[in-house]
């Protein structure tokens, strides 16, 4: 149920103040929405680029599948992730992650006890994992930015479609009502004055 607006000068002042506030906030929200759009375009492009690089690396790694079979007992220890380093930065008031690096476990091993290509396999696999983790962080950033864009768009729609038109309509109704009241008061005053003058005239005539 819509809130009933009191038709008086106090409410008129309140509605004008609200309208001014909404109209002041709206450009800031529009600017924030544009920031989200621009950053989303950058992030989505980078996701596509990283996914293309990852596909290339995975295709190259697939050619080495016999080597992976030979190293399956040792390799998992050398590609185990110890930490994914990220920092958080501000985008239009939102905290979004930014990928920094991947830290892998570094077990000790004997050069003589491993195949000659072991180091190369570990390096190529770590490169693919690095790209994968970077892409995951980019997708997390995309999700946060998308939510920020969605909520900001909803707020803009609320201002443009409900709050601002609602204030303007309330101001119009109150202004019309007060004008009618003023006109009625003037009419009553004129009638009262006419009656007073008429009463005075008859009083003098007697």
N, C-alpha and C. Protein backbone atom coordinates (compact mmCIF):
# COMPACT_ATOMS: atom_id res chain seq x y z
N UNK A 1 0.85 -1.19 0.00
CA UNK A 1 0.00 0.00 0.00
C UNK A 1 0.89 1.25 0.00
N UNK A 2 0.61 2.18 -0.93
CA UNK A 2 1.40 3.39 -1.02
C UNK A 2 1.20 4.27 0.20
N UNK A 3 2.28 4.93 0.59
CA UNK A 3 2.20 5.80 1.77
C UNK A 3 1.36 7.02 1.44
N UNK A 4 0.47 7.36 2.36
CA UNK A 4 -0.40 8.52 2.15
C UNK A 4 0.39 9.79 2.44
N UNK A 5 0.39 10.70 1.49
CA UNK A 5 1.14 11.95 1.61
C UNK A 5 0.26 12.99 2.29
N UNK A 6 0.82 13.61 3.33
CA UNK A 6 0.11 14.70 3.99
C UNK A 6 0.22 15.96 3.13
N UNK A 7 -0.90 16.57 2.87
CA UNK A 7 -0.94 17.73 1.99
C UNK A 7 -0.74 19.00 2.80
N UNK A 8 0.50 19.28 3.16
CA UNK A 8 0.81 20.50 3.91
C UNK A 8 2.20 21.00 3.52
N UNK A 9 2.55 22.17 4.04
CA UNK A 9 3.81 22.81 3.67
C UNK A 9 5.03 22.04 4.19
N UNK A 10 4.89 21.41 5.34
CA UNK A 10 6.00 20.62 5.90
C UNK A 10 6.35 19.47 4.97
N UNK A 11 5.33 18.74 4.52
CA UNK A 11 5.56 17.62 3.60
C UNK A 11 6.09 18.11 2.27
N UNK A 12 5.60 19.25 1.82
CA UNK A 12 6.10 19.84 0.58
C UNK A 12 7.59 20.11 0.67
N UNK A 13 8.02 20.67 1.78
CA UNK A 13 9.45 20.94 1.97
C UNK A 13 10.26 19.64 2.01
N UNK A 14 9.71 18.63 2.70
CA UNK A 14 10.40 17.33 2.79
C UNK A 14 10.54 16.68 1.42
N UNK A 15 9.48 16.74 0.62
CA UNK A 15 9.52 16.14 -0.70
C UNK A 15 10.50 16.87 -1.62
N UNK A 16 10.58 18.17 -1.50
CA UNK A 16 11.55 18.94 -2.30
C UNK A 16 12.98 18.59 -1.90
N UNK A 17 13.21 18.39 -0.59
CA UNK A 17 14.53 18.01 -0.12
C UNK A 17 14.92 16.62 -0.63
N UNK A 18 13.96 15.69 -0.58
CA UNK A 18 14.21 14.34 -1.10
C UNK A 18 14.52 14.38 -2.59
N UNK A 19 13.74 15.13 -3.34
CA UNK A 19 13.94 15.23 -4.78
C UNK A 19 15.33 15.77 -5.10
N UNK A 20 15.74 16.80 -4.37
CA UNK A 20 17.08 17.38 -4.58
C UNK A 20 18.17 16.35 -4.28
N UNK A 21 17.97 15.56 -3.22
CA UNK A 21 18.95 14.54 -2.85
C UNK A 21 19.04 13.46 -3.92
N UNK A 22 17.89 12.97 -4.40
CA UNK A 22 17.89 11.92 -5.43
C UNK A 22 18.55 12.42 -6.71
N UNK A 23 18.23 13.65 -7.09
CA UNK A 23 18.80 14.20 -8.32
C UNK A 23 20.30 14.47 -8.18
N UNK A 24 20.75 14.68 -6.95
CA UNK A 24 22.18 14.86 -6.71
C UNK A 24 22.93 13.53 -6.75
N UNK A 25 22.30 12.46 -6.24
CA UNK A 25 22.93 11.15 -6.20
C UNK A 25 22.94 10.45 -7.55
N UNK A 26 21.95 10.72 -8.37
CA UNK A 26 21.78 9.98 -9.63
C UNK A 26 23.01 10.07 -10.56
N UNK A 27 23.59 11.26 -10.79
CA UNK A 27 24.79 11.31 -11.65
C UNK A 27 25.95 10.48 -11.11
N UNK A 28 26.10 10.45 -9.77
CA UNK A 28 27.17 9.65 -9.17
C UNK A 28 26.93 8.16 -9.43
N UNK A 29 25.67 7.73 -9.34
CA UNK A 29 25.35 6.33 -9.63
C UNK A 29 25.59 6.00 -11.10
N UNK A 30 25.24 6.92 -11.98
CA UNK A 30 25.48 6.71 -13.41
C UNK A 30 26.98 6.58 -13.69
N UNK A 31 27.78 7.42 -13.04
CA UNK A 31 29.23 7.34 -13.22
C UNK A 31 29.78 6.01 -12.70
N UNK A 32 29.24 5.56 -11.57
CA UNK A 32 29.67 4.27 -11.00
C UNK A 32 29.31 3.13 -11.94
N UNK A 33 28.13 3.18 -12.51
CA UNK A 33 27.70 2.15 -13.46
C UNK A 33 28.64 2.10 -14.66
N UNK A 34 29.05 3.25 -15.16
CA UNK A 34 29.98 3.29 -16.30
C UNK A 34 31.35 2.73 -15.93
N UNK A 35 31.80 2.99 -14.70
CA UNK A 35 33.06 2.41 -14.24
C UNK A 35 33.00 0.89 -14.24
N UNK A 36 31.91 0.36 -13.74
CA UNK A 36 31.74 -1.09 -13.73
C UNK A 36 31.74 -1.65 -15.15
N UNK A 37 31.04 -0.97 -16.05
CA UNK A 37 30.97 -1.43 -17.44
C UNK A 37 32.36 -1.47 -18.08
N UNK A 38 33.12 -0.40 -17.89
CA UNK A 38 34.46 -0.33 -18.49
C UNK A 38 35.38 -1.40 -17.92
N UNK A 39 35.33 -1.57 -16.59
CA UNK A 39 36.20 -2.56 -15.96
C UNK A 39 35.78 -3.97 -16.34
N UNK A 40 34.48 -4.21 -16.47
CA UNK A 40 34.01 -5.52 -16.90
C UNK A 40 34.51 -5.85 -18.30
N UNK A 41 34.51 -4.87 -19.17
CA UNK A 41 35.00 -5.09 -20.54
C UNK A 41 36.48 -5.50 -20.52
N UNK A 42 37.26 -4.82 -19.68
CA UNK A 42 38.70 -5.13 -19.57
C UNK A 42 38.90 -6.54 -19.02
N UNK A 43 38.18 -6.87 -17.96
CA UNK A 43 38.34 -8.18 -17.30
C UNK A 43 37.89 -9.30 -18.23
N UNK A 44 36.78 -9.13 -18.92
CA UNK A 44 36.28 -10.18 -19.81
C UNK A 44 37.22 -10.41 -20.99
N UNK A 45 37.82 -9.36 -21.48
CA UNK A 45 38.80 -9.52 -22.56
C UNK A 45 40.01 -10.30 -22.06
N UNK A 46 40.46 -9.98 -20.85
CA UNK A 46 41.62 -10.66 -20.30
C UNK A 46 41.31 -12.13 -20.02
N UNK A 47 40.09 -12.42 -19.58
CA UNK A 47 39.70 -13.82 -19.36
C UNK A 47 39.80 -14.60 -20.67
N UNK A 48 39.29 -14.03 -21.74
CA UNK A 48 39.36 -14.69 -23.05
C UNK A 48 40.80 -14.94 -23.46
N UNK A 49 41.66 -13.93 -23.25
CA UNK A 49 43.06 -14.08 -23.63
C UNK A 49 43.75 -15.18 -22.81
N UNK A 50 43.49 -15.19 -21.50
CA UNK A 50 44.12 -16.19 -20.64
C UNK A 50 43.61 -17.59 -20.95
N UNK A 51 42.34 -17.71 -21.27
CA UNK A 51 41.79 -19.02 -21.63
C UNK A 51 42.40 -19.54 -22.93
N UNK A 52 42.66 -18.62 -23.87
CA UNK A 52 43.31 -19.02 -25.13
C UNK A 52 44.74 -19.49 -24.87
N UNK A 53 45.46 -18.77 -24.00
CA UNK A 53 46.83 -19.17 -23.65
C UNK A 53 46.82 -20.53 -22.95
N UNK A 54 45.86 -20.72 -22.05
CA UNK A 54 45.78 -21.99 -21.32
C UNK A 54 45.50 -23.15 -22.28
N UNK A 55 44.63 -22.94 -23.25
CA UNK A 55 44.34 -23.99 -24.23
C UNK A 55 45.59 -24.37 -25.01
N UNK A 56 46.38 -23.37 -25.38
CA UNK A 56 47.62 -23.64 -26.10
C UNK A 56 48.58 -24.47 -25.25
N UNK A 57 48.70 -24.09 -23.99
CA UNK A 57 49.61 -24.82 -23.10
C UNK A 57 49.13 -26.25 -22.86
N UNK A 58 47.81 -26.42 -22.71
CA UNK A 58 47.29 -27.75 -22.49
C UNK A 58 47.47 -28.63 -23.73
N UNK A 59 47.33 -28.04 -24.91
CA UNK A 59 47.57 -28.80 -26.14
C UNK A 59 49.03 -29.24 -26.23
N UNK A 60 49.94 -28.33 -25.84
CA UNK A 60 51.36 -28.67 -25.86
C UNK A 60 51.67 -29.77 -24.84
N UNK A 61 51.07 -29.66 -23.66
CA UNK A 61 51.30 -30.66 -22.60
C UNK A 61 50.77 -32.03 -23.01
N UNK A 62 49.64 -32.03 -23.74
CA UNK A 62 49.05 -33.31 -24.14
C UNK A 62 50.00 -34.13 -25.00
N UNK A 63 50.93 -33.46 -25.70
CA UNK A 63 51.90 -34.18 -26.52
C UNK A 63 52.92 -34.93 -25.66
N UNK A 64 53.00 -34.54 -24.39
CA UNK A 64 53.97 -35.15 -23.48
C UNK A 64 53.34 -36.20 -22.58
N UNK A 65 52.16 -36.66 -22.94
CA UNK A 65 51.45 -37.58 -22.05
C UNK A 65 52.26 -38.80 -21.63
N UNK A 66 53.09 -39.40 -22.50
CA UNK A 66 53.91 -40.54 -22.04
C UNK A 66 54.84 -40.16 -20.89
N UNK A 67 55.38 -38.93 -20.92
CA UNK A 67 56.27 -38.49 -19.84
C UNK A 67 55.50 -38.37 -18.53
N UNK A 68 54.25 -37.90 -18.62
CA UNK A 68 53.44 -37.76 -17.40
C UNK A 68 53.16 -39.12 -16.76
N UNK A 69 52.96 -40.10 -17.60
CA UNK A 69 52.75 -41.44 -17.05
C UNK A 69 53.99 -41.92 -16.30
N UNK A 70 55.15 -41.59 -16.83
CA UNK A 70 56.40 -42.00 -16.18
C UNK A 70 56.62 -41.28 -14.86
N UNK A 71 56.06 -40.06 -14.73
CA UNK A 71 56.35 -39.23 -13.55
C UNK A 71 55.16 -39.11 -12.60
N UNK A 72 54.12 -39.89 -12.83
CA UNK A 72 52.89 -39.70 -12.05
C UNK A 72 53.09 -39.92 -10.56
N UNK A 73 54.10 -40.65 -10.16
CA UNK A 73 54.32 -40.87 -8.74
C UNK A 73 54.93 -39.68 -8.04
N UNK A 74 55.74 -38.87 -8.77
CA UNK A 74 56.46 -37.74 -8.17
C UNK A 74 55.82 -36.39 -8.47
N UNK A 75 55.27 -36.26 -9.67
CA UNK A 75 54.84 -34.95 -10.16
C UNK A 75 53.85 -34.22 -9.25
N UNK A 76 52.84 -34.91 -8.67
CA UNK A 76 51.88 -34.18 -7.83
C UNK A 76 52.51 -33.39 -6.69
N UNK A 77 53.63 -33.87 -6.15
CA UNK A 77 54.29 -33.15 -5.04
C UNK A 77 54.89 -31.83 -5.50
N UNK A 78 55.24 -31.74 -6.79
CA UNK A 78 55.93 -30.56 -7.32
C UNK A 78 54.98 -29.55 -7.96
N UNK A 79 53.73 -29.94 -8.13
CA UNK A 79 52.75 -28.98 -8.69
C UNK A 79 51.66 -28.67 -7.66
N UNK A 80 51.90 -29.06 -6.42
CA UNK A 80 50.95 -28.76 -5.35
C UNK A 80 51.07 -27.28 -4.98
N UNK A 81 49.93 -26.59 -4.92
CA UNK A 81 49.92 -25.15 -4.65
C UNK A 81 50.00 -24.89 -3.15
N UNK A 82 50.96 -24.10 -2.77
CA UNK A 82 51.05 -23.70 -1.37
C UNK A 82 50.19 -22.46 -1.12
N UNK A 83 50.19 -21.54 -2.07
CA UNK A 83 49.44 -20.28 -1.88
C UNK A 83 49.21 -19.60 -3.22
N UNK A 84 48.03 -19.03 -3.37
CA UNK A 84 47.74 -18.13 -4.49
C UNK A 84 47.71 -16.72 -3.93
N UNK A 85 48.63 -15.91 -4.38
CA UNK A 85 48.74 -14.54 -3.85
C UNK A 85 47.87 -13.58 -4.65
N UNK A 86 47.04 -12.85 -3.94
CA UNK A 86 46.22 -11.80 -4.56
C UNK A 86 46.29 -10.55 -3.70
N UNK A 87 45.98 -9.43 -4.31
CA UNK A 87 45.77 -8.19 -3.56
C UNK A 87 44.36 -7.71 -3.85
N UNK A 88 43.85 -6.84 -3.00
CA UNK A 88 42.50 -6.31 -3.18
C UNK A 88 42.58 -4.84 -3.52
N UNK A 89 41.87 -4.44 -4.55
CA UNK A 89 41.86 -3.04 -4.95
C UNK A 89 40.42 -2.54 -5.04
N UNK A 90 40.31 -1.22 -5.07
CA UNK A 90 39.00 -0.58 -5.06
C UNK A 90 38.58 -0.20 -6.48
N UNK A 91 37.41 -0.65 -6.88
CA UNK A 91 36.82 -0.25 -8.16
C UNK A 91 35.43 0.29 -7.88
N UNK A 92 35.27 1.59 -7.97
CA UNK A 92 33.96 2.24 -7.76
C UNK A 92 33.33 1.83 -6.45
N UNK A 93 34.15 1.74 -5.40
CA UNK A 93 33.63 1.43 -4.08
C UNK A 93 33.56 -0.05 -3.75
N UNK A 94 33.94 -0.91 -4.70
CA UNK A 94 33.94 -2.35 -4.46
C UNK A 94 35.37 -2.87 -4.33
N UNK A 95 35.57 -3.82 -3.44
CA UNK A 95 36.86 -4.48 -3.30
C UNK A 95 36.89 -5.67 -4.27
N UNK A 96 37.84 -5.65 -5.20
CA UNK A 96 37.96 -6.76 -6.15
C UNK A 96 39.37 -7.34 -6.07
N UNK A 97 39.50 -8.66 -6.33
CA UNK A 97 40.81 -9.29 -6.23
C UNK A 97 41.65 -9.05 -7.48
N UNK A 98 42.94 -8.98 -7.28
CA UNK A 98 43.88 -8.88 -8.39
C UNK A 98 44.96 -9.94 -8.21
N UNK A 99 45.10 -10.77 -9.21
CA UNK A 99 46.05 -11.89 -9.14
C UNK A 99 47.48 -11.38 -9.09
N UNK A 100 48.30 -12.02 -8.24
CA UNK A 100 49.71 -11.68 -8.14
C UNK A 100 50.62 -12.84 -8.56
N UNK A 101 50.48 -13.99 -7.90
CA UNK A 101 51.36 -15.11 -8.23
C UNK A 101 50.84 -16.40 -7.59
N UNK A 102 51.48 -17.50 -7.99
CA UNK A 102 51.20 -18.81 -7.39
C UNK A 102 52.50 -19.31 -6.76
N UNK A 103 52.42 -19.72 -5.50
CA UNK A 103 53.57 -20.29 -4.80
C UNK A 103 53.37 -21.80 -4.73
N UNK A 104 54.32 -22.54 -5.27
CA UNK A 104 54.25 -24.01 -5.26
C UNK A 104 55.12 -24.57 -4.14
N UNK A 105 54.77 -25.79 -3.74
CA UNK A 105 55.63 -26.53 -2.83
C UNK A 105 56.95 -26.84 -3.55
N UNK A 106 58.03 -26.89 -2.79
CA UNK A 106 59.35 -27.14 -3.39
C UNK A 106 60.03 -28.31 -2.66
N UNK A 107 59.58 -29.53 -2.92
CA UNK A 107 60.23 -30.68 -2.27
C UNK A 107 61.66 -30.88 -2.78
N UNK A 108 62.49 -31.42 -1.95
CA UNK A 108 63.85 -31.77 -2.38
C UNK A 108 63.81 -33.05 -3.19
N UNK A 109 64.66 -33.11 -4.19
CA UNK A 109 64.71 -34.34 -4.99
C UNK A 109 66.12 -34.49 -5.58
N UNK A 110 66.40 -35.70 -5.98
CA UNK A 110 67.72 -36.02 -6.55
C UNK A 110 67.65 -35.94 -8.07
N UNK A 111 68.58 -35.23 -8.65
CA UNK A 111 68.66 -35.15 -10.10
C UNK A 111 68.88 -36.52 -10.73
N UNK A 112 69.58 -37.37 -10.00
CA UNK A 112 69.91 -38.69 -10.54
C UNK A 112 68.74 -39.67 -10.45
N UNK A 113 67.77 -39.34 -9.57
CA UNK A 113 66.65 -40.26 -9.36
C UNK A 113 65.42 -39.87 -10.18
N UNK A 114 65.53 -38.83 -11.00
CA UNK A 114 64.40 -38.38 -11.80
C UNK A 114 64.76 -38.41 -13.28
N UNK A 115 63.76 -38.53 -14.16
CA UNK A 115 64.03 -38.52 -15.60
C UNK A 115 64.65 -37.20 -16.03
N UNK A 116 65.38 -37.21 -17.13
CA UNK A 116 66.10 -36.01 -17.59
C UNK A 116 65.15 -34.86 -17.92
N UNK A 117 63.92 -35.18 -18.32
CA UNK A 117 62.96 -34.14 -18.71
C UNK A 117 62.08 -33.69 -17.55
N UNK A 118 62.36 -34.15 -16.35
CA UNK A 118 61.48 -33.88 -15.21
C UNK A 118 61.32 -32.37 -14.96
N UNK A 119 62.41 -31.63 -14.94
CA UNK A 119 62.35 -30.19 -14.67
C UNK A 119 61.51 -29.46 -15.70
N UNK A 120 61.64 -29.86 -16.94
CA UNK A 120 60.88 -29.21 -18.00
C UNK A 120 59.39 -29.50 -17.87
N UNK A 121 59.05 -30.73 -17.54
CA UNK A 121 57.65 -31.10 -17.35
C UNK A 121 57.04 -30.31 -16.18
N UNK A 122 57.78 -30.23 -15.08
CA UNK A 122 57.31 -29.47 -13.92
C UNK A 122 57.09 -28.01 -14.29
N UNK A 123 58.03 -27.43 -15.00
CA UNK A 123 57.92 -26.02 -15.38
C UNK A 123 56.70 -25.77 -16.26
N UNK A 124 56.52 -26.59 -17.30
CA UNK A 124 55.39 -26.40 -18.21
C UNK A 124 54.06 -26.61 -17.49
N UNK A 125 54.02 -27.58 -16.59
CA UNK A 125 52.78 -27.83 -15.84
C UNK A 125 52.47 -26.67 -14.91
N UNK A 126 53.50 -26.15 -14.27
CA UNK A 126 53.30 -25.00 -13.38
C UNK A 126 52.83 -23.77 -14.15
N UNK A 127 53.32 -23.60 -15.35
CA UNK A 127 52.88 -22.47 -16.18
C UNK A 127 51.39 -22.57 -16.48
N UNK A 128 50.94 -23.79 -16.78
CA UNK A 128 49.51 -24.00 -17.06
C UNK A 128 48.68 -23.75 -15.80
N UNK A 129 49.16 -24.22 -14.67
CA UNK A 129 48.44 -24.00 -13.40
C UNK A 129 48.41 -22.52 -13.08
N UNK A 130 49.51 -21.81 -13.32
CA UNK A 130 49.58 -20.37 -13.09
C UNK A 130 48.48 -19.66 -13.88
N UNK A 131 48.35 -19.99 -15.17
CA UNK A 131 47.32 -19.37 -16.01
C UNK A 131 45.92 -19.74 -15.52
N UNK A 132 45.75 -21.00 -15.13
CA UNK A 132 44.44 -21.43 -14.63
C UNK A 132 44.04 -20.63 -13.39
N UNK A 133 44.94 -20.48 -12.44
CA UNK A 133 44.64 -19.76 -11.20
C UNK A 133 44.39 -18.27 -11.47
N UNK A 134 45.16 -17.72 -12.38
CA UNK A 134 44.96 -16.31 -12.75
C UNK A 134 43.57 -16.12 -13.35
N UNK A 135 43.16 -17.06 -14.19
CA UNK A 135 41.83 -16.98 -14.82
C UNK A 135 40.73 -17.11 -13.78
N UNK A 136 40.92 -17.97 -12.80
CA UNK A 136 39.92 -18.13 -11.73
C UNK A 136 39.75 -16.83 -10.94
N UNK A 137 40.86 -16.16 -10.67
CA UNK A 137 40.78 -14.88 -9.94
C UNK A 137 40.09 -13.83 -10.81
N UNK A 138 40.39 -13.83 -12.10
CA UNK A 138 39.73 -12.89 -13.01
C UNK A 138 38.22 -13.14 -13.05
N UNK A 139 37.82 -14.40 -13.02
CA UNK A 139 36.39 -14.72 -13.03
C UNK A 139 35.73 -14.31 -11.72
N UNK A 140 36.47 -14.42 -10.62
CA UNK A 140 35.95 -13.93 -9.34
C UNK A 140 35.75 -12.42 -9.40
N UNK A 141 36.73 -11.73 -9.99
CA UNK A 141 36.61 -10.28 -10.15
C UNK A 141 35.42 -9.93 -11.04
N UNK A 142 35.25 -10.69 -12.12
CA UNK A 142 34.12 -10.45 -13.02
C UNK A 142 32.80 -10.61 -12.28
N UNK A 143 32.69 -11.63 -11.44
CA UNK A 143 31.45 -11.86 -10.69
C UNK A 143 31.15 -10.69 -9.75
N UNK A 144 32.16 -10.21 -9.05
CA UNK A 144 31.96 -9.10 -8.10
C UNK A 144 31.55 -7.84 -8.86
N UNK A 145 32.23 -7.57 -9.98
CA UNK A 145 31.89 -6.39 -10.78
C UNK A 145 30.49 -6.50 -11.38
N UNK A 146 30.12 -7.70 -11.81
CA UNK A 146 28.78 -7.91 -12.38
C UNK A 146 27.71 -7.64 -11.34
N UNK A 147 27.94 -8.10 -10.11
CA UNK A 147 26.99 -7.85 -9.03
C UNK A 147 26.91 -6.36 -8.72
N UNK A 148 28.06 -5.69 -8.71
CA UNK A 148 28.07 -4.25 -8.48
C UNK A 148 27.31 -3.51 -9.56
N UNK A 149 27.51 -3.93 -10.82
CA UNK A 149 26.80 -3.32 -11.94
C UNK A 149 25.30 -3.55 -11.82
N UNK A 150 24.91 -4.79 -11.47
CA UNK A 150 23.49 -5.12 -11.36
C UNK A 150 22.81 -4.31 -10.26
N UNK A 151 23.44 -4.24 -9.09
CA UNK A 151 22.83 -3.51 -7.97
C UNK A 151 22.77 -2.01 -8.24
N UNK A 152 23.81 -1.48 -8.88
CA UNK A 152 23.81 -0.06 -9.21
C UNK A 152 22.73 0.25 -10.24
N UNK A 153 22.57 -0.62 -11.22
CA UNK A 153 21.52 -0.44 -12.23
C UNK A 153 20.14 -0.48 -11.58
N UNK A 154 19.95 -1.39 -10.63
CA UNK A 154 18.67 -1.46 -9.92
C UNK A 154 18.39 -0.17 -9.16
N UNK A 155 19.43 0.36 -8.52
CA UNK A 155 19.24 1.60 -7.76
C UNK A 155 18.92 2.77 -8.68
N UNK A 156 19.60 2.82 -9.83
CA UNK A 156 19.32 3.88 -10.81
C UNK A 156 17.87 3.77 -11.28
N UNK A 157 17.44 2.55 -11.58
CA UNK A 157 16.04 2.35 -12.01
C UNK A 157 15.06 2.77 -10.92
N UNK A 158 15.39 2.46 -9.67
CA UNK A 158 14.54 2.85 -8.54
C UNK A 158 14.42 4.37 -8.48
N UNK A 159 15.55 5.06 -8.62
CA UNK A 159 15.53 6.53 -8.59
C UNK A 159 14.73 7.09 -9.76
N UNK A 160 15.03 6.58 -10.97
CA UNK A 160 14.45 7.16 -12.18
C UNK A 160 12.96 6.81 -12.36
N UNK A 161 12.57 5.60 -11.94
CA UNK A 161 11.23 5.13 -12.22
C UNK A 161 10.25 5.29 -11.06
N UNK A 162 10.79 5.36 -9.83
CA UNK A 162 9.88 5.43 -8.67
C UNK A 162 10.11 6.65 -7.79
N UNK A 163 11.33 6.79 -7.27
CA UNK A 163 11.55 7.81 -6.24
C UNK A 163 11.43 9.23 -6.79
N UNK A 164 12.14 9.52 -7.88
CA UNK A 164 12.08 10.88 -8.44
C UNK A 164 10.69 11.20 -8.98
N UNK A 165 10.08 10.33 -9.81
CA UNK A 165 8.70 10.63 -10.24
C UNK A 165 7.72 10.71 -9.07
N UNK A 166 7.93 9.87 -8.04
CA UNK A 166 7.05 9.92 -6.87
C UNK A 166 7.13 11.25 -6.15
N UNK A 167 8.35 11.76 -5.98
CA UNK A 167 8.52 13.07 -5.34
C UNK A 167 7.89 14.18 -6.16
N UNK A 168 8.12 14.13 -7.46
CA UNK A 168 7.56 15.17 -8.33
C UNK A 168 6.04 15.16 -8.30
N UNK A 169 5.46 13.97 -8.31
CA UNK A 169 4.00 13.86 -8.26
C UNK A 169 3.46 14.35 -6.91
N UNK A 170 4.17 14.00 -5.83
CA UNK A 170 3.75 14.45 -4.49
C UNK A 170 3.83 15.97 -4.40
N UNK A 171 4.91 16.54 -4.93
CA UNK A 171 5.07 18.01 -4.93
C UNK A 171 3.95 18.66 -5.72
N UNK A 172 3.63 18.07 -6.88
CA UNK A 172 2.55 18.64 -7.71
C UNK A 172 1.21 18.60 -6.97
N UNK A 173 0.91 17.45 -6.34
CA UNK A 173 -0.37 17.31 -5.63
C UNK A 173 -0.48 18.29 -4.46
N UNK A 174 0.62 18.39 -3.71
CA UNK A 174 0.60 19.29 -2.55
C UNK A 174 0.47 20.74 -3.00
N UNK A 175 1.22 21.08 -4.08
CA UNK A 175 1.17 22.46 -4.59
C UNK A 175 -0.25 22.80 -5.06
N UNK A 176 -0.88 21.87 -5.79
CA UNK A 176 -2.25 22.10 -6.27
C UNK A 176 -3.20 22.24 -5.09
N UNK A 177 -3.05 21.37 -4.08
CA UNK A 177 -3.92 21.42 -2.91
C UNK A 177 -3.76 22.74 -2.16
N UNK A 178 -2.51 23.16 -1.96
CA UNK A 178 -2.27 24.40 -1.23
C UNK A 178 -2.79 25.61 -2.00
N UNK A 179 -2.65 25.56 -3.33
CA UNK A 179 -3.18 26.65 -4.15
C UNK A 179 -4.70 26.70 -4.05
N UNK A 180 -5.32 25.52 -4.09
CA UNK A 180 -6.78 25.46 -3.95
C UNK A 180 -7.22 25.98 -2.58
N UNK A 181 -6.46 25.60 -1.55
CA UNK A 181 -6.78 26.06 -0.21
C UNK A 181 -6.63 27.57 -0.10
N UNK A 182 -5.56 28.05 -0.74
CA UNK A 182 -5.35 29.51 -0.71
C UNK A 182 -6.46 30.25 -1.46
N UNK A 183 -6.82 29.69 -2.63
CA UNK A 183 -7.89 30.31 -3.41
C UNK A 183 -9.22 30.28 -2.63
N UNK A 184 -9.48 29.14 -1.95
CA UNK A 184 -10.70 29.01 -1.15
C UNK A 184 -10.69 30.00 -0.01
N UNK A 185 -9.52 30.17 0.61
CA UNK A 185 -9.40 31.10 1.74
C UNK A 185 -9.64 32.53 1.27
N UNK A 186 -9.10 32.86 0.08
CA UNK A 186 -9.32 34.20 -0.48
C UNK A 186 -10.81 34.41 -0.77
N UNK A 187 -11.45 33.36 -1.33
CA UNK A 187 -12.88 33.46 -1.62
C UNK A 187 -13.69 33.64 -0.35
N UNK A 188 -13.37 32.89 0.69
CA UNK A 188 -14.07 33.01 1.97
C UNK A 188 -13.87 34.40 2.55
N UNK A 189 -12.63 34.90 2.43
CA UNK A 189 -12.33 36.24 2.97
C UNK A 189 -13.15 37.30 2.24
N UNK A 190 -13.28 37.14 0.90
CA UNK A 190 -14.05 38.11 0.12
C UNK A 190 -15.53 38.08 0.52
N UNK A 191 -16.04 36.86 0.70
CA UNK A 191 -17.46 36.72 1.10
C UNK A 191 -17.67 37.31 2.49
N UNK A 192 -16.74 37.04 3.38
CA UNK A 192 -16.84 37.56 4.74
C UNK A 192 -16.78 39.08 4.73
N UNK A 193 -15.89 39.60 3.88
CA UNK A 193 -15.77 41.06 3.80
C UNK A 193 -17.06 41.67 3.24
N UNK A 194 -17.60 41.01 2.21
CA UNK A 194 -18.84 41.51 1.60
C UNK A 194 -19.99 41.47 2.61
N UNK A 195 -20.10 40.40 3.37
CA UNK A 195 -21.14 40.29 4.38
C UNK A 195 -20.96 41.34 5.47
N UNK A 196 -19.69 41.57 5.82
CA UNK A 196 -19.40 42.56 6.86
C UNK A 196 -19.80 43.96 6.37
N UNK A 197 -19.45 44.23 5.12
CA UNK A 197 -19.78 45.54 4.56
C UNK A 197 -21.29 45.71 4.45
N UNK A 198 -21.97 44.60 4.05
CA UNK A 198 -23.42 44.66 3.93
C UNK A 198 -24.07 44.87 5.29
N UNK A 199 -23.54 44.19 6.31
CA UNK A 199 -24.08 44.35 7.66
C UNK A 199 -23.87 45.77 8.15
N UNK A 200 -22.72 46.33 7.83
CA UNK A 200 -22.41 47.72 8.26
C UNK A 200 -23.33 48.68 7.54
N UNK A 201 -23.61 48.43 6.26
CA UNK A 201 -24.47 49.35 5.47
C UNK A 201 -25.87 49.38 6.05
N UNK A 202 -26.41 48.19 6.36
CA UNK A 202 -27.76 48.15 6.91
C UNK A 202 -27.81 48.73 8.32
N UNK A 203 -26.74 48.56 9.01
CA UNK A 203 -26.68 49.11 10.37
C UNK A 203 -26.70 50.61 10.34
N UNK A 204 -26.00 51.19 9.37
CA UNK A 204 -25.95 52.64 9.24
C UNK A 204 -27.31 53.15 8.77
N UNK A 205 -27.93 52.41 7.83
CA UNK A 205 -29.21 52.84 7.26
C UNK A 205 -30.28 52.90 8.34
N UNK A 206 -30.29 52.01 9.28
CA UNK A 206 -31.27 52.03 10.35
C UNK A 206 -31.01 53.19 11.30
